[in-house]
Amino acid sequence: MDAQYDATRDVIDLGFRSGGSMTIPRRIVPGLVDAPASALGLIRVSPAGDALSWPSLDADVYVPGLVERAFGTRLFARATGQRGGRRRSKAKAAAARANGSKGGRPRKRLYA
């Protein structure tokens, strides 16, 4: 992940290894609201890529928390839940086979 501050738009641009990118307004980042723009240029990314640090401001921000703050808890939870539900595993495959041997999903009742 890489991060840089864009002073003309007053935002932090994040670039992810997947090729995606995200722009976060500075006003929603805790610890940076009142910081001078000149101090925002040096951003360090943690080795794991999950945190941003501004050494001159002694400010650290956890990226997943920042994304949640930008998009809202409900949307963030839904997106991460969908990704987890699509994950394939031997346990899920075995459960699907077991459910299929029981006759599968019950048919919907038709009401007249």
N, C-alpha and C. Protein backbone atom coordinates (compact mmCIF):
# COMPACT_ATOMS: atom_id res chain seq x y z
N MET A 1 0.84 -1.17 0.00
CA MET A 1 0.00 0.00 0.00
C MET A 1 0.89 1.23 0.00
N ASP A 2 0.42 2.27 -0.68
CA ASP A 2 1.13 3.54 -0.61
C ASP A 2 0.12 4.63 -0.26
N ALA A 3 0.63 5.71 0.30
CA ALA A 3 -0.23 6.81 0.73
C ALA A 3 0.48 8.13 0.48
N GLN A 4 -0.30 9.12 0.07
CA GLN A 4 0.26 10.46 -0.09
C GLN A 4 -0.82 11.49 0.15
N TYR A 5 -0.37 12.65 0.60
CA TYR A 5 -1.29 13.75 0.88
C TYR A 5 -1.36 14.66 -0.33
N ASP A 6 -2.57 14.98 -0.77
CA ASP A 6 -2.79 15.89 -1.89
C ASP A 6 -3.28 17.22 -1.30
N ALA A 7 -2.39 18.20 -1.24
CA ALA A 7 -2.71 19.48 -0.61
C ALA A 7 -3.74 20.28 -1.38
N THR A 8 -3.78 20.13 -2.71
CA THR A 8 -4.74 20.91 -3.49
C THR A 8 -6.18 20.50 -3.20
N ARG A 9 -6.39 19.21 -2.94
CA ARG A 9 -7.74 18.72 -2.63
C ARG A 9 -7.95 18.49 -1.13
N ASP A 10 -6.89 18.61 -0.34
CA ASP A 10 -6.92 18.38 1.11
C ASP A 10 -7.42 16.97 1.43
N VAL A 11 -6.84 15.98 0.74
CA VAL A 11 -7.23 14.58 0.91
C VAL A 11 -5.98 13.70 1.02
N ILE A 12 -6.19 12.49 1.50
CA ILE A 12 -5.14 11.48 1.54
C ILE A 12 -5.51 10.43 0.50
N ASP A 13 -4.61 10.20 -0.43
CA ASP A 13 -4.82 9.20 -1.47
C ASP A 13 -4.15 7.90 -1.04
N LEU A 14 -4.92 6.82 -1.05
CA LEU A 14 -4.40 5.50 -0.71
C LEU A 14 -4.40 4.64 -1.96
N GLY A 15 -3.31 3.93 -2.20
CA GLY A 15 -3.22 2.98 -3.30
C GLY A 15 -2.96 1.60 -2.73
N PHE A 16 -3.74 0.62 -3.16
CA PHE A 16 -3.65 -0.73 -2.60
C PHE A 16 -2.94 -1.67 -3.57
N ARG A 17 -2.39 -2.75 -3.04
CA ARG A 17 -1.68 -3.73 -3.86
C ARG A 17 -2.57 -4.36 -4.92
N SER A 18 -3.86 -4.42 -4.66
CA SER A 18 -4.80 -5.02 -5.60
C SER A 18 -5.02 -4.14 -6.83
N GLY A 19 -4.52 -2.91 -6.78
CA GLY A 19 -4.72 -1.98 -7.88
C GLY A 19 -5.80 -0.96 -7.58
N GLY A 20 -6.55 -1.17 -6.52
CA GLY A 20 -7.59 -0.23 -6.14
C GLY A 20 -7.01 1.00 -5.46
N SER A 21 -7.81 2.02 -5.39
CA SER A 21 -7.38 3.24 -4.71
C SER A 21 -8.56 3.85 -3.98
N MET A 22 -8.24 4.76 -3.08
CA MET A 22 -9.26 5.38 -2.25
C MET A 22 -8.78 6.76 -1.85
N THR A 23 -9.70 7.69 -1.80
CA THR A 23 -9.38 9.05 -1.38
C THR A 23 -10.16 9.36 -0.11
N ILE A 24 -9.45 9.79 0.92
CA ILE A 24 -10.07 10.08 2.22
C ILE A 24 -9.91 11.57 2.51
N PRO A 25 -11.01 12.28 2.77
CA PRO A 25 -10.88 13.69 3.15
C PRO A 25 -10.16 13.82 4.50
N ARG A 26 -9.27 14.77 4.60
CA ARG A 26 -8.51 14.95 5.84
C ARG A 26 -9.43 15.23 7.02
N ARG A 27 -10.55 15.89 6.80
CA ARG A 27 -11.43 16.30 7.89
C ARG A 27 -12.03 15.12 8.67
N ILE A 28 -11.99 13.90 8.09
CA ILE A 28 -12.55 12.75 8.83
C ILE A 28 -11.46 11.90 9.49
N VAL A 29 -10.21 12.32 9.36
CA VAL A 29 -9.11 11.55 9.95
C VAL A 29 -8.78 12.11 11.32
N PRO A 30 -8.97 11.32 12.38
CA PRO A 30 -8.67 11.80 13.73
C PRO A 30 -7.19 12.18 13.85
N GLY A 31 -6.94 13.30 14.49
CA GLY A 31 -5.57 13.75 14.70
C GLY A 31 -5.00 14.60 13.59
N LEU A 32 -5.70 14.68 12.46
CA LEU A 32 -5.19 15.47 11.34
C LEU A 32 -6.02 16.71 11.04
N VAL A 33 -7.16 16.83 11.69
CA VAL A 33 -8.08 17.93 11.39
C VAL A 33 -7.42 19.28 11.60
N ASP A 34 -6.74 19.46 12.71
CA ASP A 34 -6.12 20.75 13.04
C ASP A 34 -4.64 20.82 12.69
N ALA A 35 -4.12 19.78 12.05
CA ALA A 35 -2.69 19.75 11.73
C ALA A 35 -2.39 20.68 10.55
N PRO A 36 -1.24 21.32 10.57
CA PRO A 36 -0.87 22.17 9.43
C PRO A 36 -0.61 21.31 8.18
N ALA A 37 -1.03 21.80 7.04
CA ALA A 37 -0.87 21.06 5.78
C ALA A 37 0.59 20.72 5.50
N SER A 38 1.50 21.57 5.94
CA SER A 38 2.92 21.33 5.69
C SER A 38 3.43 20.07 6.41
N ALA A 39 2.76 19.66 7.47
CA ALA A 39 3.20 18.49 8.25
C ALA A 39 2.60 17.19 7.73
N LEU A 40 1.71 17.26 6.76
CA LEU A 40 1.01 16.06 6.29
C LEU A 40 1.72 15.34 5.15
N GLY A 41 2.76 15.92 4.61
CA GLY A 41 3.43 15.35 3.45
C GLY A 41 4.15 14.04 3.72
N LEU A 42 4.75 13.90 4.88
CA LEU A 42 5.49 12.68 5.20
C LEU A 42 4.57 11.67 5.86
N ILE A 43 4.17 10.66 5.09
CA ILE A 43 3.30 9.59 5.60
C ILE A 43 4.08 8.29 5.54
N ARG A 44 4.12 7.58 6.64
CA ARG A 44 4.75 6.27 6.67
C ARG A 44 3.66 5.21 6.73
N VAL A 45 3.85 4.16 5.95
CA VAL A 45 2.92 3.03 5.94
C VAL A 45 3.56 1.92 6.75
N SER A 46 2.78 1.27 7.62
CA SER A 46 3.32 0.19 8.45
C SER A 46 3.75 -0.97 7.56
N PRO A 47 4.67 -1.82 8.02
CA PRO A 47 5.11 -2.97 7.22
C PRO A 47 3.96 -3.89 6.80
N ALA A 48 2.96 -4.02 7.65
CA ALA A 48 1.81 -4.86 7.32
C ALA A 48 0.85 -4.16 6.36
N GLY A 49 1.00 -2.85 6.20
CA GLY A 49 0.14 -2.09 5.31
C GLY A 49 -1.22 -1.77 5.89
N ASP A 50 -1.36 -1.89 7.20
CA ASP A 50 -2.67 -1.65 7.81
C ASP A 50 -2.73 -0.39 8.66
N ALA A 51 -1.66 0.40 8.65
CA ALA A 51 -1.66 1.63 9.45
C ALA A 51 -0.83 2.71 8.75
N LEU A 52 -1.24 3.95 8.99
CA LEU A 52 -0.52 5.12 8.49
C LEU A 52 0.01 5.89 9.67
N SER A 53 1.18 6.49 9.50
CA SER A 53 1.81 7.23 10.58
C SER A 53 2.35 8.55 10.06
N TRP A 54 2.15 9.59 10.83
CA TRP A 54 2.72 10.91 10.58
C TRP A 54 3.68 11.19 11.74
N PRO A 55 4.97 10.89 11.58
CA PRO A 55 5.93 11.04 12.67
C PRO A 55 6.02 12.46 13.22
N SER A 56 5.94 13.47 12.35
CA SER A 56 6.06 14.85 12.82
C SER A 56 4.87 15.29 13.66
N LEU A 57 3.75 14.60 13.51
CA LEU A 57 2.54 14.93 14.28
C LEU A 57 2.29 13.96 15.42
N ASP A 58 3.09 12.89 15.47
CA ASP A 58 2.88 11.82 16.44
C ASP A 58 1.45 11.28 16.31
N ALA A 59 1.02 11.06 15.05
CA ALA A 59 -0.33 10.57 14.77
C ALA A 59 -0.25 9.25 14.02
N ASP A 60 -1.07 8.30 14.44
CA ASP A 60 -1.16 6.99 13.80
C ASP A 60 -2.62 6.69 13.53
N VAL A 61 -2.89 6.09 12.36
CA VAL A 61 -4.27 5.78 11.98
C VAL A 61 -4.32 4.36 11.45
N TYR A 62 -5.28 3.58 11.94
CA TYR A 62 -5.51 2.21 11.50
C TYR A 62 -6.36 2.27 10.23
N VAL A 63 -5.87 1.73 9.12
CA VAL A 63 -6.54 1.87 7.82
C VAL A 63 -7.94 1.24 7.79
N PRO A 64 -8.16 0.01 8.27
CA PRO A 64 -9.53 -0.51 8.26
C PRO A 64 -10.51 0.37 9.05
N GLY A 65 -10.06 0.95 10.14
CA GLY A 65 -10.91 1.88 10.89
C GLY A 65 -11.21 3.14 10.09
N LEU A 66 -10.23 3.58 9.33
CA LEU A 66 -10.40 4.76 8.49
C LEU A 66 -11.40 4.49 7.36
N VAL A 67 -11.31 3.31 6.76
CA VAL A 67 -12.25 2.92 5.70
C VAL A 67 -13.66 2.83 6.28
N GLU A 68 -13.78 2.23 7.45
CA GLU A 68 -15.08 2.12 8.11
C GLU A 68 -15.64 3.51 8.40
N ARG A 69 -14.80 4.40 8.84
CA ARG A 69 -15.23 5.76 9.14
C ARG A 69 -15.70 6.48 7.88
N ALA A 70 -15.01 6.23 6.76
CA ALA A 70 -15.35 6.89 5.50
C ALA A 70 -16.66 6.37 4.91
N PHE A 71 -16.89 5.07 4.97
CA PHE A 71 -18.06 4.48 4.33
C PHE A 71 -19.21 4.18 5.27
N GLY A 72 -18.95 4.15 6.55
CA GLY A 72 -19.99 3.81 7.51
C GLY A 72 -19.89 2.36 7.91
N THR A 73 -20.27 2.07 9.13
CA THR A 73 -20.13 0.73 9.69
C THR A 73 -20.96 -0.30 8.94
N ARG A 74 -22.19 0.04 8.60
CA ARG A 74 -23.09 -0.94 7.97
C ARG A 74 -22.55 -1.37 6.60
N LEU A 75 -22.14 -0.43 5.78
CA LEU A 75 -21.63 -0.76 4.45
C LEU A 75 -20.33 -1.55 4.55
N PHE A 76 -19.45 -1.16 5.47
CA PHE A 76 -18.18 -1.85 5.65
C PHE A 76 -18.42 -3.29 6.11
N ALA A 77 -19.34 -3.48 7.05
CA ALA A 77 -19.64 -4.83 7.55
C ALA A 77 -20.24 -5.70 6.45
N ARG A 78 -21.11 -5.11 5.64
CA ARG A 78 -21.74 -5.88 4.57
C ARG A 78 -20.69 -6.32 3.55
N ALA A 79 -19.79 -5.43 3.19
CA ALA A 79 -18.76 -5.77 2.20
C ALA A 79 -17.83 -6.86 2.71
N THR A 80 -17.41 -6.77 3.96
CA THR A 80 -16.50 -7.79 4.50
C THR A 80 -17.24 -9.11 4.71
N GLY A 81 -18.51 -9.06 5.06
CA GLY A 81 -19.30 -10.28 5.23
C GLY A 81 -19.52 -11.00 3.91
N GLN A 82 -19.77 -10.24 2.85
CA GLN A 82 -19.95 -10.85 1.53
C GLN A 82 -18.67 -11.53 1.08
N ARG A 83 -17.55 -10.89 1.33
CA ARG A 83 -16.27 -11.47 0.93
C ARG A 83 -16.03 -12.77 1.70
N GLY A 84 -16.36 -12.79 2.98
CA GLY A 84 -16.18 -13.99 3.78
C GLY A 84 -17.11 -15.11 3.35
N GLY A 85 -18.33 -14.75 2.95
CA GLY A 85 -19.30 -15.75 2.50
C GLY A 85 -18.91 -16.40 1.19
N ARG A 86 -18.16 -15.70 0.36
CA ARG A 86 -17.73 -16.26 -0.92
C ARG A 86 -16.50 -17.15 -0.78
N ARG A 87 -15.88 -17.11 0.36
CA ARG A 87 -14.66 -17.89 0.58
C ARG A 87 -15.00 -19.38 0.49
N ARG A 88 -14.19 -20.14 -0.23
CA ARG A 88 -14.43 -21.58 -0.36
C ARG A 88 -13.55 -22.32 0.64
N SER A 89 -14.13 -23.34 1.23
CA SER A 89 -13.35 -24.15 2.16
C SER A 89 -13.86 -25.59 2.09
N LYS A 90 -13.06 -26.50 2.60
CA LYS A 90 -13.47 -27.90 2.63
C LYS A 90 -14.68 -28.09 3.52
N ALA A 91 -14.75 -27.34 4.61
CA ALA A 91 -15.87 -27.46 5.54
C ALA A 91 -17.17 -27.01 4.88
N LYS A 92 -17.13 -25.90 4.13
CA LYS A 92 -18.35 -25.43 3.45
C LYS A 92 -18.79 -26.41 2.37
N ALA A 93 -17.83 -26.99 1.65
CA ALA A 93 -18.17 -27.96 0.61
C ALA A 93 -18.81 -29.21 1.22
N ALA A 94 -18.26 -29.67 2.34
CA ALA A 94 -18.83 -30.84 3.02
C ALA A 94 -20.23 -30.55 3.53
N ALA A 95 -20.45 -29.36 4.07
CA ALA A 95 -21.77 -28.98 4.57
C ALA A 95 -22.78 -28.92 3.43
N ALA A 96 -22.36 -28.39 2.27
CA ALA A 96 -23.26 -28.31 1.12
C ALA A 96 -23.63 -29.71 0.62
N ARG A 97 -22.67 -30.63 0.60
CA ARG A 97 -22.97 -32.01 0.19
C ARG A 97 -23.93 -32.67 1.17
N ALA A 98 -23.70 -32.45 2.46
CA ALA A 98 -24.57 -33.04 3.48
C ALA A 98 -25.99 -32.50 3.35
N ASN A 99 -26.12 -31.20 3.13
CA ASN A 99 -27.45 -30.62 2.96
C ASN A 99 -28.11 -31.13 1.69
N GLY A 100 -27.34 -31.34 0.63
CA GLY A 100 -27.89 -31.86 -0.62
C GLY A 100 -28.39 -33.28 -0.46
N SER A 101 -27.72 -34.08 0.35
CA SER A 101 -28.15 -35.47 0.55
C SER A 101 -29.44 -35.55 1.35
N LYS A 102 -29.81 -34.47 2.01
CA LYS A 102 -31.06 -34.42 2.76
C LYS A 102 -32.22 -33.95 1.88
N GLY A 103 -31.94 -33.75 0.61
CA GLY A 103 -33.01 -33.32 -0.29
C GLY A 103 -32.87 -31.88 -0.75
N GLY A 104 -31.89 -31.18 -0.27
CA GLY A 104 -31.66 -29.81 -0.72
C GLY A 104 -32.58 -28.81 -0.06
N ARG A 105 -32.65 -27.65 -0.66
CA ARG A 105 -33.45 -26.55 -0.13
C ARG A 105 -34.94 -26.87 -0.31
N PRO A 106 -35.75 -26.65 0.74
CA PRO A 106 -37.19 -26.90 0.61
C PRO A 106 -37.81 -25.99 -0.44
N ARG A 107 -38.81 -26.52 -1.14
CA ARG A 107 -39.49 -25.73 -2.16
C ARG A 107 -40.35 -24.68 -1.49
N LYS A 108 -40.51 -23.57 -2.19
CA LYS A 108 -41.38 -22.51 -1.68
C LYS A 108 -42.83 -22.93 -1.87
N ARG A 109 -43.64 -22.56 -0.92
CA ARG A 109 -45.07 -22.84 -1.03
C ARG A 109 -45.71 -21.78 -1.92
N LEU A 110 -46.58 -22.22 -2.77
CA LEU A 110 -47.30 -21.28 -3.63
C LEU A 110 -48.64 -20.98 -2.99
N TYR A 111 -48.91 -19.71 -2.79
CA TYR A 111 -50.18 -19.30 -2.20
C TYR A 111 -51.05 -18.72 -3.30
N ALA A 112 -52.31 -19.13 -3.28
CA ALA A 112 -53.23 -18.64 -4.32
C ALA A 112 -53.97 -17.43 -3.87
